[in-house]
Amino acid sequence: MALDPNDLEGRIEDLIHIDEYKPKMGTDDNIIVATFKVMGKQPAQDLENFIEKGYDWVIDAETSAGEISDGKYIVFIESERRTSFPKNFMDMISDISNITDIESYEFMYFDKPGSNKNAIQPLTQENLARSIPLSPRKYRASKTAQVAIESILNTARVPRSKGDIEHFAIHQPKERI
């Protein structure tokens, strides 16, 4: 089934989460997982089909098995962790804008709980390129750097309080629902 303009109007949330969930098709350092929240199972499946059939850079698109809350479903999109991701993703968003009423999107990159990187940002090609590690090596290096910060604090015997390292904790992607 082909989607017509505004077929998903009012159905897709304008906040996209990136790397919140574990990939199904590979490892965290090789695969970027972007997620959309969609109101209704059929609209979520329509978005899934639109994305999976329309973009060869998308490795997999899948709708969550069950609703996450109040009739909302998650559409998972997996892509290789490459420097081409921001442009490809923004081209897809431009096409999705034709079937929704959303004029601008925001995104949240899940790096570490409570960090400034976890802040919601306007979805632009530049913000994606700046916020997301776009190679397996950069992804692994970002995780290693966070572990090093914790180790330095411990070695330096910086006075600590309960929960103070949560700010430095590495985000562990969630298993899919």
Foldseek 3Di string as FASTA:
>chain_A
DDFAFQQQAPFKDQEKEKLQAADPPDGSLFKIKIKIKTAADVVLVNVQCCVVVPDPQWPHWDWAPDAPPDRIIMIITMGTLALCVLVSVVVVVVVVVRRYVDDWHWYAYQWAPPEPSRDIGTRHSVNCNVNDRRHSVSSVVSQVVLVVVVVVCVVVVPDDDPPPSSRSDGNDRHYGD
